[in-house]
């Protein structure tokens, strides 16, 4: 996970100069959407780490890193210098709140699929992972429809707002 995050974080500086910002955001959100699927498809007889957990972990870290770096650069580029620190704090706060709300929703869904209703623990977690994929997909769709391209700094890729 650390190596994946490091590689994508370092690569984002270069990518943000050459690739459209909205496209990078959508790629990151698409990765976040597909990441939980390999773990959500795990079954009682097939609990292979390399087939299910490993891809979810690497794809998820890559997606979150792309989204976080893209949004941070785009949002900080869109505000005046005197409020950049405030904007940075708000970005981190929004990511923390969003993560907490997403975790709470997924946990509530996992609890709704309780084992005393005849569902296995594996089925509960699978349901929670499908919920995570759905939430990320919702983020993808809202960004696809709601984020606009705007001209960026000279020589740089287009920014968004």
C-alpha atoms as a PDB file:
ATOM      1  CA  UNK A   1       0.000   0.000   0.000  1.00  0.00           C
ATOM      2  CA  UNK A   2       2.777   2.415   0.901  1.00  0.00           C
ATOM      3  CA  UNK A   3       4.684   1.779  -2.318  1.00  0.00           C
ATOM      4  CA  UNK A   4       1.537   2.208  -4.412  1.00  0.00           C
ATOM      5  CA  UNK A   5       0.646   5.464  -2.670  1.00  0.00           C
ATOM      6  CA  UNK A   6       4.209   6.745  -3.046  1.00  0.00           C
ATOM      7  CA  UNK A   7       4.431   5.910  -6.754  1.00  0.00           C
ATOM      8  CA  UNK A   8       1.076   7.513  -7.553  1.00  0.00           C
ATOM      9  CA  UNK A   9       1.746  10.583  -5.366  1.00  0.00           C
ATOM     10  CA  UNK A  10       5.070  11.262  -7.048  1.00  0.00           C
ATOM     11  CA  UNK A  11       3.589  10.646 -10.506  1.00  0.00           C
ATOM     12  CA  UNK A  12       0.701  13.049  -9.974  1.00  0.00           C
ATOM     13  CA  UNK A  13       2.880  16.161 -10.266  1.00  0.00           C
ATOM     14  CA  UNK A  14       3.885  15.150 -13.771  1.00  0.00           C
ATOM     15  CA  UNK A  15       0.431  13.909 -14.763  1.00  0.00           C
ATOM     16  CA  UNK A  16      -1.289  17.102 -13.614  1.00  0.00           C
ATOM     17  CA  UNK A  17       0.905  19.088 -16.007  1.00  0.00           C
ATOM     18  CA  UNK A  18       0.039  16.962 -19.044  1.00  0.00           C
ATOM     19  CA  UNK A  19      -3.375  15.389 -18.483  1.00  0.00           C
ATOM     20  CA  UNK A  20      -6.719  17.160 -18.139  1.00  0.00           C
ATOM     21  CA  UNK A  21      -7.583  17.567 -14.464  1.00  0.00           C
ATOM     22  CA  UNK A  22     -11.177  16.423 -14.836  1.00  0.00           C
ATOM     23  CA  UNK A  23      -9.996  13.296 -16.648  1.00  0.00           C
ATOM     24  CA  UNK A  24      -7.577  12.494 -13.813  1.00  0.00           C
ATOM     25  CA  UNK A  25     -10.346  12.991 -11.268  1.00  0.00           C
ATOM     26  CA  UNK A  26     -12.642  10.646 -13.200  1.00  0.00           C
ATOM     27  CA  UNK A  27      -9.894   8.021 -13.565  1.00  0.00           C
ATOM     28  CA  UNK A  28      -9.263   8.143  -9.804  1.00  0.00           C
ATOM     29  CA  UNK A  29     -12.963   7.837  -9.014  1.00  0.00           C
ATOM     30  CA  UNK A  30     -13.351   5.000 -11.529  1.00  0.00           C
ATOM     31  CA  UNK A  31     -10.519   3.156  -9.774  1.00  0.00           C
ATOM     32  CA  UNK A  32     -12.217   3.776  -6.417  1.00  0.00           C
ATOM     33  CA  UNK A  33     -15.434   2.373  -7.880  1.00  0.00           C
ATOM     34  CA  UNK A  34     -13.935  -0.855  -9.218  1.00  0.00           C
ATOM     35  CA  UNK A  35     -11.466  -1.413  -6.345  1.00  0.00           C
ATOM     36  CA  UNK A  36     -13.873  -3.131  -3.899  1.00  0.00           C
ATOM     37  CA  UNK A  37     -15.363  -5.438  -6.521  1.00  0.00           C
ATOM     38  CA  UNK A  38     -12.674  -8.149  -6.373  1.00  0.00           C
ATOM     39  CA  UNK A  39     -13.063  -8.380  -2.590  1.00  0.00           C
ATOM     40  CA  UNK A  40     -16.872  -8.194  -2.813  1.00  0.00           C
ATOM     41  CA  UNK A  41     -16.887 -11.294  -5.026  1.00  0.00           C
ATOM     42  CA  UNK A  42     -15.058 -13.436  -2.469  1.00  0.00           C
ATOM     43  CA  UNK A  43     -16.903 -16.639  -1.604  1.00  0.00           C
ATOM     44  CA  UNK A  44     -16.694 -19.343   1.070  1.00  0.00           C
ATOM     45  CA  UNK A  45     -14.691 -21.707  -1.126  1.00  0.00           C
ATOM     46  CA  UNK A  46     -12.545 -19.057  -2.763  1.00  0.00           C
ATOM     47  CA  UNK A  47     -10.814 -16.767  -0.269  1.00  0.00           C
ATOM     48  CA  UNK A  48      -7.572 -16.294  -2.192  1.00  0.00           C
ATOM     49  CA  UNK A  49      -5.746 -13.194  -0.924  1.00  0.00           C
ATOM     50  CA  UNK A  50      -3.982 -12.511  -4.227  1.00  0.00           C
ATOM     51  CA  UNK A  51      -7.191 -12.762  -6.228  1.00  0.00           C
ATOM     52  CA  UNK A  52      -9.495 -10.779  -3.948  1.00  0.00           C
ATOM     53  CA  UNK A  53      -7.828  -8.651  -1.252  1.00  0.00           C
ATOM     54  CA  UNK A  54      -4.587  -7.639  -2.983  1.00  0.00           C
ATOM     55  CA  UNK A  55      -6.213  -6.058  -6.075  1.00  0.00           C
ATOM     56  CA  UNK A  56      -8.745  -4.206  -3.927  1.00  0.00           C
ATOM     57  CA  UNK A  57      -5.960  -2.771  -1.806  1.00  0.00           C
ATOM     58  CA  UNK A  58      -3.700  -1.629  -4.642  1.00  0.00           C
ATOM     59  CA  UNK A  59      -6.458  -0.274  -6.879  1.00  0.00           C
ATOM     60  CA  UNK A  60      -8.126   1.483  -3.944  1.00  0.00           C
ATOM     61  CA  UNK A  61      -4.923   3.205  -2.810  1.00  0.00           C
ATOM     62  CA  UNK A  62      -4.156   4.268  -6.395  1.00  0.00           C
ATOM     63  CA  UNK A  63      -7.660   5.688  -6.853  1.00  0.00           C
ATOM     64  CA  UNK A  64      -7.741   7.583  -3.576  1.00  0.00           C
ATOM     65  CA  UNK A  65      -4.254   9.003  -4.204  1.00  0.00           C
ATOM     66  CA  UNK A  66      -5.233  10.236  -7.669  1.00  0.00           C
ATOM     67  CA  UNK A  67      -8.461  11.816  -6.389  1.00  0.00           C
ATOM     68  CA  UNK A  68      -6.817  13.438  -3.376  1.00  0.00           C
ATOM     69  CA  UNK A  69      -3.878  14.899  -5.311  1.00  0.00           C
ATOM     70  CA  UNK A  70      -6.057  16.084  -8.198  1.00  0.00           C
ATOM     71  CA  UNK A  71      -8.623  17.747  -5.971  1.00  0.00           C
ATOM     72  CA  UNK A  72      -5.990  19.364  -3.769  1.00  0.00           C
ATOM     73  CA  UNK A  73      -4.087  20.885  -6.689  1.00  0.00           C
ATOM     74  CA  UNK A  74      -7.238  21.997  -8.506  1.00  0.00           C
ATOM     75  CA  UNK A  75      -8.841  23.565  -5.450  1.00  0.00           C
ATOM     76  CA  UNK A  76      -5.678  25.293  -4.254  1.00  0.00           C
ATOM     77  CA  UNK A  77      -5.103  26.679  -7.759  1.00  0.00           C
ATOM     78  CA  UNK A  78      -8.590  28.193  -7.749  1.00  0.00           C
ATOM     79  CA  UNK A  79      -8.275  30.360  -4.624  1.00  0.00           C
ATOM     80  CA  UNK A  80      -6.296  33.549  -3.896  1.00  0.00           C
ATOM     81  CA  UNK A  81      -2.953  33.229  -2.125  1.00  0.00           C
ATOM     82  CA  UNK A  82      -4.258  34.706   1.136  1.00  0.00           C
ATOM     83  CA  UNK A  83      -6.755  31.830   1.647  1.00  0.00           C
ATOM     84  CA  UNK A  84      -4.700  28.852   0.439  1.00  0.00           C
ATOM     85  CA  UNK A  85      -4.024  27.585   3.972  1.00  0.00           C
ATOM     86  CA  UNK A  86      -7.720  27.815   4.835  1.00  0.00           C
ATOM     87  CA  UNK A  87      -8.574  25.983   1.603  1.00  0.00           C
ATOM     88  CA  UNK A  88      -6.019  23.245   2.398  1.00  0.00           C
ATOM     89  CA  UNK A  89      -7.560  22.753   5.827  1.00  0.00           C
ATOM     90  CA  UNK A  90     -11.039  22.567   4.348  1.00  0.00           C
ATOM     91  CA  UNK A  91      -9.887  19.966   1.794  1.00  0.00           C
ATOM     92  CA  UNK A  92      -8.474  17.745   4.550  1.00  0.00           C
ATOM     93  CA  UNK A  93     -11.583  18.231   6.682  1.00  0.00           C
ATOM     94  CA  UNK A  94     -13.855  17.349   3.759  1.00  0.00           C
ATOM     95  CA  UNK A  95     -11.884  14.159   3.058  1.00  0.00           C
ATOM     96  CA  UNK A  96     -12.050  13.149   6.734  1.00  0.00           C
ATOM     97  CA  UNK A  97     -15.774  13.848   7.023  1.00  0.00           C
ATOM     98  CA  UNK A  98     -16.474  12.096   3.722  1.00  0.00           C
ATOM     99  CA  UNK A  99     -14.489   9.048   4.835  1.00  0.00           C
ATOM    100  CA  UNK A 100     -16.352   8.941   8.144  1.00  0.00           C
ATOM    101  CA  UNK A 101     -19.765   9.247   6.525  1.00  0.00           C
ATOM    102  CA  UNK A 102     -18.902   6.600   3.933  1.00  0.00           C
ATOM    103  CA  UNK A 103     -17.650   4.232   6.643  1.00  0.00           C
ATOM    104  CA  UNK A 104     -20.786   4.836   8.719  1.00  0.00           C
ATOM    105  CA  UNK A 105     -23.053   4.083   5.736  1.00  0.00           C
ATOM    106  CA  UNK A 106     -21.156   0.929   4.812  1.00  0.00           C
ATOM    107  CA  UNK A 107     -21.128  -0.203   8.463  1.00  0.00           C
ATOM    108  CA  UNK A 108     -24.875   0.363   8.760  1.00  0.00           C
ATOM    109  CA  UNK A 109     -25.449  -1.756   5.686  1.00  0.00           C
ATOM    110  CA  UNK A 110     -23.150  -4.481   7.018  1.00  0.00           C
ATOM    111  CA  UNK A 111     -25.087  -4.467  10.305  1.00  0.00           C
ATOM    112  CA  UNK A 112     -28.378  -4.722   8.387  1.00  0.00           C
ATOM    113  CA  UNK A 113     -27.162  -8.006   6.879  1.00  0.00           C
ATOM    114  CA  UNK A 114     -26.702  -9.664  10.259  1.00  0.00           C
ATOM    115  CA  UNK A 115     -25.610 -13.237  10.751  1.00  0.00           C
ATOM    116  CA  UNK A 116     -28.726 -13.996  12.815  1.00  0.00           C
ATOM    117  CA  UNK A 117     -30.732 -13.478   9.606  1.00  0.00           C
ATOM    118  CA  UNK A 118     -28.949 -16.459   8.138  1.00  0.00           C
ATOM    119  CA  UNK A 119     -26.195 -14.570   6.320  1.00  0.00           C
ATOM    120  CA  UNK A 120     -22.546 -15.401   6.833  1.00  0.00           C
ATOM    121  CA  UNK A 121     -19.978 -12.891   8.017  1.00  0.00           C
ATOM    122  CA  UNK A 122     -18.446 -13.071   4.544  1.00  0.00           C
ATOM    123  CA  UNK A 123     -21.791 -12.055   3.013  1.00  0.00           C
ATOM    124  CA  UNK A 124     -22.020  -9.090   5.382  1.00  0.00           C
ATOM    125  CA  UNK A 125     -18.637  -7.763   4.323  1.00  0.00           C
ATOM    126  CA  UNK A 126     -19.382  -8.431   0.678  1.00  0.00           C
ATOM    127  CA  UNK A 127     -22.505  -6.304   1.009  1.00  0.00           C
ATOM    128  CA  UNK A 128     -20.486  -3.518   2.648  1.00  0.00           C
ATOM    129  CA  UNK A 129     -17.929  -3.619  -0.159  1.00  0.00           C
ATOM    130  CA  UNK A 130     -20.670  -3.379  -2.801  1.00  0.00           C
ATOM    131  CA  UNK A 131     -21.948  -0.353  -0.890  1.00  0.00           C
ATOM    132  CA  UNK A 132     -18.475   1.211  -1.097  1.00  0.00           C
ATOM    133  CA  UNK A 133     -18.380   0.580  -4.845  1.00  0.00           C
ATOM    134  CA  UNK A 134     -21.793   2.222  -5.160  1.00  0.00           C
ATOM    135  CA  UNK A 135     -20.759   5.279  -3.151  1.00  0.00           C
ATOM    136  CA  UNK A 136     -17.624   5.717  -5.252  1.00  0.00           C
ATOM    137  CA  UNK A 137     -19.734   5.273  -8.389  1.00  0.00           C
ATOM    138  CA  UNK A 138     -22.018   8.024  -7.139  1.00  0.00           C
ATOM    139  CA  UNK A 139     -18.962  10.255  -6.723  1.00  0.00           C
ATOM    140  CA  UNK A 140     -17.883   9.384 -10.255  1.00  0.00           C
ATOM    141  CA  UNK A 141     -21.280  10.278 -11.729  1.00  0.00           C
ATOM    142  CA  UNK A 142     -21.581  13.518  -9.764  1.00  0.00           C
ATOM    143  CA  UNK A 143     -18.084  14.542 -10.876  1.00  0.00           C
ATOM    144  CA  UNK A 144     -18.774  13.569 -14.461  1.00  0.00           C
ATOM    145  CA  UNK A 145     -21.893  15.721 -14.533  1.00  0.00           C
ATOM    146  CA  UNK A 146     -20.994  18.458 -12.067  1.00  0.00           C
ATOM    147  CA  UNK A 147     -17.310  19.283 -12.530  1.00  0.00           C
ATOM    148  CA  UNK A 148     -16.548  21.774 -15.275  1.00  0.00           C
ATOM    149  CA  UNK A 149     -13.302  22.283 -17.136  1.00  0.00           C
ATOM    150  CA  UNK A 150     -11.733  25.718 -16.972  1.00  0.00           C
ATOM    151  CA  UNK A 151      -8.485  27.041 -18.355  1.00  0.00           C
ATOM    152  CA  UNK A 152      -5.557  26.404 -16.069  1.00  0.00           C
ATOM    153  CA  UNK A 153      -2.279  28.220 -15.656  1.00  0.00           C
ATOM    154  CA  UNK A 154      -0.221  28.848 -18.810  1.00  0.00           C
ATOM    155  CA  UNK A 155       1.622  25.703 -19.794  1.00  0.00           C
ATOM    156  CA  UNK A 156      -0.389  23.519 -17.413  1.00  0.00           C
ATOM    157  CA  UNK A 157      -3.348  21.210 -17.888  1.00  0.00           C
ATOM    158  CA  UNK A 158      -6.892  22.547 -17.687  1.00  0.00           C
ATOM    159  CA  UNK A 159      -8.140  22.944 -14.139  1.00  0.00           C
ATOM    160  CA  UNK A 160     -11.704  22.449 -12.934  1.00  0.00           C
ATOM    161  CA  UNK A 161     -14.221  24.041 -10.638  1.00  0.00           C
END
